[in-house]
Amino acid sequence: MLTVKDVEYEGGYTLLCEFSDGVRKRVDLTPLLKYPAFEELRDEKQFIQFGLDDTIFWKNGADIAPEYLYAHGFAIA
């Protein structure tokens, strides 16, 4: 099962995620901000208050499947 093992904030709405298979990917989450579950996160002060528990989540209840992050990220060497 794919999980997020580590995450770093990179500015704007971009996160650097390390996955359980060792791959690191940079993911821009800007496209998700148009959806109601992510509206509050347009405020970067809210966005940067994420947590990690096998995937990324926020206190408003929003979370993102690791598979989405993996598929929409760009690999980092």
C-alpha atoms as a PDB file:
ATOM      1  CA  MET A   1       0.000   0.000   0.000  1.00  0.00           C
ATOM      2  CA  LEU A   2       1.385   3.396  -1.030  1.00  0.00           C
ATOM      3  CA  THR A   3       1.761   5.949   1.773  1.00  0.00           C
ATOM      4  CA  VAL A   4       3.401   9.333   2.270  1.00  0.00           C
ATOM      5  CA  LYS A   5       6.338   8.955   4.665  1.00  0.00           C
ATOM      6  CA  ASP A   6       7.567  12.568   4.745  1.00  0.00           C
ATOM      7  CA  VAL A   7       6.390  15.941   3.468  1.00  0.00           C
ATOM      8  CA  GLU A   8       8.018  19.366   3.213  1.00  0.00           C
ATOM      9  CA  TYR A   9       6.407  22.689   2.355  1.00  0.00           C
ATOM     10  CA  GLU A  10       8.083  24.296  -0.657  1.00  0.00           C
ATOM     11  CA  GLY A  11       6.128  27.548  -0.950  1.00  0.00           C
ATOM     12  CA  GLY A  12       2.858  28.528  -2.547  1.00  0.00           C
ATOM     13  CA  TYR A  13       0.742  25.386  -2.736  1.00  0.00           C
ATOM     14  CA  THR A  14       3.613  23.013  -3.469  1.00  0.00           C
ATOM     15  CA  LEU A  15       4.718  20.107  -1.289  1.00  0.00           C
ATOM     16  CA  LEU A  16       7.652  17.738  -1.583  1.00  0.00           C
ATOM     17  CA  CYS A  17       6.449  14.239  -0.710  1.00  0.00           C
ATOM     18  CA  GLU A  18       8.473  11.131   0.007  1.00  0.00           C
ATOM     19  CA  PHE A  19       6.525   7.936  -0.548  1.00  0.00           C
ATOM     20  CA  SER A  20       6.784   4.487   1.002  1.00  0.00           C
ATOM     21  CA  ASP A  21       8.576   3.199  -2.117  1.00  0.00           C
ATOM     22  CA  GLY A  22      11.356   5.773  -1.607  1.00  0.00           C
ATOM     23  CA  VAL A  23      10.311   8.016  -4.516  1.00  0.00           C
ATOM     24  CA  ARG A  24      10.277  11.776  -3.871  1.00  0.00           C
ATOM     25  CA  LYS A  25       7.893  13.971  -5.847  1.00  0.00           C
ATOM     26  CA  ARG A  26       7.088  17.657  -5.960  1.00  0.00           C
ATOM     27  CA  VAL A  27       3.324  18.188  -6.072  1.00  0.00           C
ATOM     28  CA  ASP A  28       1.541  21.470  -6.864  1.00  0.00           C
ATOM     29  CA  LEU A  29      -1.892  21.327  -5.245  1.00  0.00           C
ATOM     30  CA  THR A  30      -3.184  24.564  -6.795  1.00  0.00           C
ATOM     31  CA  PRO A  31      -5.681  22.705  -9.056  1.00  0.00           C
ATOM     32  CA  LEU A  32      -7.460  21.282  -5.986  1.00  0.00           C
ATOM     33  CA  LEU A  33      -8.219  24.702  -4.507  1.00  0.00           C
ATOM     34  CA  LYS A  34     -11.275  25.063  -6.749  1.00  0.00           C
ATOM     35  CA  TYR A  35     -13.067  22.245  -4.908  1.00  0.00           C
ATOM     36  CA  PRO A  36     -15.207  22.988  -1.811  1.00  0.00           C
ATOM     37  CA  ALA A  37     -13.199  20.684   0.503  1.00  0.00           C
ATOM     38  CA  PHE A  38     -10.068  22.718  -0.236  1.00  0.00           C
ATOM     39  CA  GLU A  39     -11.536  26.262  -0.339  1.00  0.00           C
ATOM     40  CA  GLU A  40     -10.227  27.205   3.122  1.00  0.00           C
ATOM     41  CA  LEU A  41      -6.737  26.196   2.036  1.00  0.00           C
ATOM     42  CA  ARG A  42      -6.539  29.070  -0.458  1.00  0.00           C
ATOM     43  CA  ASP A  43      -5.338  30.974   2.593  1.00  0.00           C
ATOM     44  CA  GLU A  44      -1.675  29.926   2.704  1.00  0.00           C
ATOM     45  CA  LYS A  45      -1.693  30.258   6.494  1.00  0.00           C
ATOM     46  CA  GLN A  46      -4.272  27.460   6.544  1.00  0.00           C
ATOM     47  CA  PHE A  47      -2.563  25.471   3.797  1.00  0.00           C
ATOM     48  CA  ILE A  48       0.744  25.212   5.632  1.00  0.00           C
ATOM     49  CA  GLN A  49      -0.965  23.734   8.702  1.00  0.00           C
ATOM     50  CA  PHE A  50      -1.026  20.214   7.292  1.00  0.00           C
ATOM     51  CA  GLY A  51      -0.383  16.980   9.108  1.00  0.00           C
ATOM     52  CA  LEU A  52       0.945  13.604   8.048  1.00  0.00           C
ATOM     53  CA  ASP A  53      -0.602  10.226   8.831  1.00  0.00           C
ATOM     54  CA  ASP A  54       0.208   7.992   5.826  1.00  0.00           C
ATOM     55  CA  THR A  55      -1.083  10.893   3.704  1.00  0.00           C
ATOM     56  CA  ILE A  56      -1.453  14.655   4.015  1.00  0.00           C
ATOM     57  CA  PHE A  57      -4.440  16.078   5.893  1.00  0.00           C
ATOM     58  CA  TRP A  58      -5.693  19.405   7.241  1.00  0.00           C
ATOM     59  CA  LYS A  59      -7.704  20.321  10.321  1.00  0.00           C
ATOM     60  CA  ASN A  60     -10.787  21.159   8.192  1.00  0.00           C
ATOM     61  CA  GLY A  61     -11.015  17.441   7.346  1.00  0.00           C
ATOM     62  CA  ALA A  62      -9.531  17.667   3.850  1.00  0.00           C
ATOM     63  CA  ASP A  63      -7.015  15.029   2.861  1.00  0.00           C
ATOM     64  CA  ILE A  64      -5.489  13.712  -0.339  1.00  0.00           C
ATOM     65  CA  ALA A  65      -5.022  10.113  -1.380  1.00  0.00           C
ATOM     66  CA  PRO A  66      -1.337   9.165  -1.681  1.00  0.00           C
ATOM     67  CA  GLU A  67      -2.091   7.762  -5.129  1.00  0.00           C
ATOM     68  CA  TYR A  68      -3.284  11.204  -6.309  1.00  0.00           C
ATOM     69  CA  LEU A  69      -0.121  12.855  -5.003  1.00  0.00           C
ATOM     70  CA  TYR A  70       2.033  10.199  -6.658  1.00  0.00           C
ATOM     71  CA  ALA A  71       0.262  10.451 -10.011  1.00  0.00           C
ATOM     72  CA  HIS A  72       0.287  14.256 -10.112  1.00  0.00           C
ATOM     73  CA  GLY A  73       3.799  14.835  -8.770  1.00  0.00           C
ATOM     74  CA  PHE A  74       7.081  15.351 -10.578  1.00  0.00           C
ATOM     75  CA  ALA A  75       9.913  13.050  -9.563  1.00  0.00           C
ATOM     76  CA  ILE A  76      12.894  14.571  -7.739  1.00  0.00           C
ATOM     77  CA  ALA A  77      16.301  12.915  -7.960  1.00  0.00           C
END
